[in-house]
Amino acid sequence: MRPLAHGLPGALTELLKAAPLSDGKVTFAWGAAVGPAIERVTAVKLERRVLIVETASAQWSREIMRSSPTILRRLHRFLGADVVDRIETRTNTNLKV
């Protein structure tokens, strides 16, 4: 028998996919896809299947773009393959982190 915690990621993924698309859902999926360190220094919004990621610095923008294939695969798992086509970053030094 496997612990309940092993089934939670899959169950959470299915619940998230089934929920209606909203800003909160996109933000939650972003945090789950990138983890707390990147989530703290970014803000996201979805515009016509493009995920716009505002970052606190150019270094974070570069890191996100370097990791974007992996992040995009994770977002597809949480949101579905037809929600986000690509990721774009914008540096916003006024972003409160």
C-alpha atoms as a PDB file:
ATOM      1  CA  MET A   1       0.000   0.000   0.000  1.00  0.00           C
ATOM      2  CA  ARG A   2       1.283   3.502  -0.908  1.00  0.00           C
ATOM      3  CA  PRO A   3       0.964   6.541   1.351  1.00  0.00           C
ATOM      4  CA  LEU A   4      -1.843   8.982   0.546  1.00  0.00           C
ATOM      5  CA  ALA A   5       0.709  11.734  -0.173  1.00  0.00           C
ATOM      6  CA  HIS A   6       1.860   9.852  -3.295  1.00  0.00           C
ATOM      7  CA  GLY A   7      -1.586  10.227  -4.834  1.00  0.00           C
ATOM      8  CA  LEU A   8      -2.061  13.888  -3.994  1.00  0.00           C
ATOM      9  CA  PRO A   9       0.015  15.421  -6.800  1.00  0.00           C
ATOM     10  CA  GLY A  10      -1.977  13.520  -9.425  1.00  0.00           C
ATOM     11  CA  ALA A  11      -5.283  14.287  -7.739  1.00  0.00           C
ATOM     12  CA  LEU A  12      -4.376  17.961  -7.393  1.00  0.00           C
ATOM     13  CA  THR A  13      -3.390  18.099 -11.048  1.00  0.00           C
ATOM     14  CA  GLU A  14      -6.730  16.644 -12.148  1.00  0.00           C
ATOM     15  CA  LEU A  15      -8.707  18.997  -9.882  1.00  0.00           C
ATOM     16  CA  LEU A  16      -6.774  22.000 -11.157  1.00  0.00           C
ATOM     17  CA  LYS A  17      -7.283  21.050 -14.811  1.00  0.00           C
ATOM     18  CA  ALA A  18     -11.024  20.650 -14.255  1.00  0.00           C
ATOM     19  CA  ALA A  19     -11.457  24.061 -12.582  1.00  0.00           C
ATOM     20  CA  PRO A  20     -12.521  27.022 -14.743  1.00  0.00           C
ATOM     21  CA  LEU A  21      -9.679  29.161 -16.066  1.00  0.00           C
ATOM     22  CA  SER A  22      -9.072  32.185 -13.834  1.00  0.00           C
ATOM     23  CA  ASP A  23      -6.231  34.477 -12.791  1.00  0.00           C
ATOM     24  CA  GLY A  24      -6.048  32.594  -9.491  1.00  0.00           C
ATOM     25  CA  LYS A  25      -5.785  29.245 -11.226  1.00  0.00           C
ATOM     26  CA  VAL A  26      -2.970  30.502 -13.476  1.00  0.00           C
ATOM     27  CA  THR A  27      -1.126  32.008 -10.506  1.00  0.00           C
ATOM     28  CA  PHE A  28      -1.497  28.801  -8.487  1.00  0.00           C
ATOM     29  CA  ALA A  29      -0.272  26.667 -11.413  1.00  0.00           C
ATOM     30  CA  TRP A  30       2.711  29.022 -11.870  1.00  0.00           C
ATOM     31  CA  GLY A  31       3.715  28.617  -8.228  1.00  0.00           C
ATOM     32  CA  ALA A  32       3.349  24.855  -8.419  1.00  0.00           C
ATOM     33  CA  ALA A  33       5.397  24.746 -11.643  1.00  0.00           C
ATOM     34  CA  VAL A  34       8.305  26.937 -10.519  1.00  0.00           C
ATOM     35  CA  GLY A  35       8.462  26.624  -6.739  1.00  0.00           C
ATOM     36  CA  PRO A  36       8.536  29.233  -3.976  1.00  0.00           C
ATOM     37  CA  ALA A  37      11.857  30.946  -4.811  1.00  0.00           C
ATOM     38  CA  ILE A  38      10.813  31.954  -8.330  1.00  0.00           C
ATOM     39  CA  GLU A  39       7.203  32.534  -7.345  1.00  0.00           C
ATOM     40  CA  ARG A  40       8.336  35.170  -4.795  1.00  0.00           C
ATOM     41  CA  VAL A  41      10.158  37.271  -7.421  1.00  0.00           C
ATOM     42  CA  THR A  42       7.543  37.096 -10.180  1.00  0.00           C
ATOM     43  CA  ALA A  43       3.994  38.032 -11.087  1.00  0.00           C
ATOM     44  CA  VAL A  44       2.097  36.361 -13.931  1.00  0.00           C
ATOM     45  CA  LYS A  45      -0.843  37.038 -16.202  1.00  0.00           C
ATOM     46  CA  LEU A  46      -2.197  35.145 -19.177  1.00  0.00           C
ATOM     47  CA  GLU A  47      -2.841  37.064 -22.399  1.00  0.00           C
ATOM     48  CA  ARG A  48      -4.068  35.153 -25.447  1.00  0.00           C
ATOM     49  CA  ARG A  49      -2.251  31.920 -24.535  1.00  0.00           C
ATOM     50  CA  VAL A  50       1.002  33.774 -23.730  1.00  0.00           C
ATOM     51  CA  LEU A  51       2.064  33.714 -20.094  1.00  0.00           C
ATOM     52  CA  ILE A  52       3.541  37.119 -19.280  1.00  0.00           C
ATOM     53  CA  VAL A  53       5.979  36.814 -16.383  1.00  0.00           C
ATOM     54  CA  GLU A  54       7.093  40.010 -14.679  1.00  0.00           C
ATOM     55  CA  THR A  55      10.361  39.527 -12.830  1.00  0.00           C
ATOM     56  CA  ALA A  56      12.195  41.565 -10.223  1.00  0.00           C
ATOM     57  CA  SER A  57      15.456  41.535 -12.201  1.00  0.00           C
ATOM     58  CA  ALA A  58      16.992  40.758 -15.578  1.00  0.00           C
ATOM     59  CA  GLN A  59      18.775  37.790 -14.000  1.00  0.00           C
ATOM     60  CA  TRP A  60      15.455  36.216 -13.035  1.00  0.00           C
ATOM     61  CA  SER A  61      14.115  36.859 -16.551  1.00  0.00           C
ATOM     62  CA  ARG A  62      17.089  35.022 -18.036  1.00  0.00           C
ATOM     63  CA  GLU A  63      16.695  32.115 -15.618  1.00  0.00           C
ATOM     64  CA  ILE A  64      13.004  31.747 -16.420  1.00  0.00           C
ATOM     65  CA  MET A  65      13.609  31.846 -20.173  1.00  0.00           C
ATOM     66  CA  ARG A  66      16.426  29.308 -19.829  1.00  0.00           C
ATOM     67  CA  SER A  67      14.069  27.023 -17.899  1.00  0.00           C
ATOM     68  CA  SER A  68      10.975  27.800 -19.976  1.00  0.00           C
ATOM     69  CA  PRO A  69      10.735  24.404 -21.761  1.00  0.00           C
ATOM     70  CA  THR A  70      10.549  22.624 -18.401  1.00  0.00           C
ATOM     71  CA  ILE A  71       8.219  25.229 -16.895  1.00  0.00           C
ATOM     72  CA  LEU A  72       5.928  25.051 -19.928  1.00  0.00           C
ATOM     73  CA  ARG A  73       5.687  21.246 -19.659  1.00  0.00           C
ATOM     74  CA  ARG A  74       4.707  21.591 -16.009  1.00  0.00           C
ATOM     75  CA  LEU A  75       2.123  24.262 -16.801  1.00  0.00           C
ATOM     76  CA  HIS A  76       0.628  21.998 -19.467  1.00  0.00           C
ATOM     77  CA  ARG A  77       0.307  19.246 -16.861  1.00  0.00           C
ATOM     78  CA  PHE A  78      -1.528  21.593 -14.458  1.00  0.00           C
ATOM     79  CA  LEU A  79      -3.596  23.681 -16.896  1.00  0.00           C
ATOM     80  CA  GLY A  80      -3.856  21.549 -20.021  1.00  0.00           C
ATOM     81  CA  ALA A  81      -1.824  21.751 -23.217  1.00  0.00           C
ATOM     82  CA  ASP A  82      -4.186  24.253 -24.855  1.00  0.00           C
ATOM     83  CA  VAL A  83      -3.915  27.067 -22.273  1.00  0.00           C
ATOM     84  CA  VAL A  84      -0.331  28.376 -22.528  1.00  0.00           C
ATOM     85  CA  ASP A  85       1.612  28.334 -25.812  1.00  0.00           C
ATOM     86  CA  ARG A  86       4.681  30.257 -24.683  1.00  0.00           C
ATOM     87  CA  ILE A  87       6.256  32.286 -21.907  1.00  0.00           C
ATOM     88  CA  GLU A  88       7.482  35.871 -22.175  1.00  0.00           C
ATOM     89  CA  THR A  89       9.317  37.756 -19.459  1.00  0.00           C
ATOM     90  CA  ARG A  90       9.377  41.432 -18.599  1.00  0.00           C
ATOM     91  CA  THR A  91      11.669  42.958 -16.032  1.00  0.00           C
ATOM     92  CA  ASN A  92       9.874  45.187 -13.551  1.00  0.00           C
ATOM     93  CA  THR A  93      12.232  46.590 -10.935  1.00  0.00           C
ATOM     94  CA  ASN A  94       9.209  48.005  -9.101  1.00  0.00           C
ATOM     95  CA  LEU A  95       7.838  44.517  -8.529  1.00  0.00           C
ATOM     96  CA  LYS A  96       7.306  44.075  -4.802  1.00  0.00           C
ATOM     97  CA  VAL A  97       9.029  40.907  -3.680  1.00  0.00           C
END
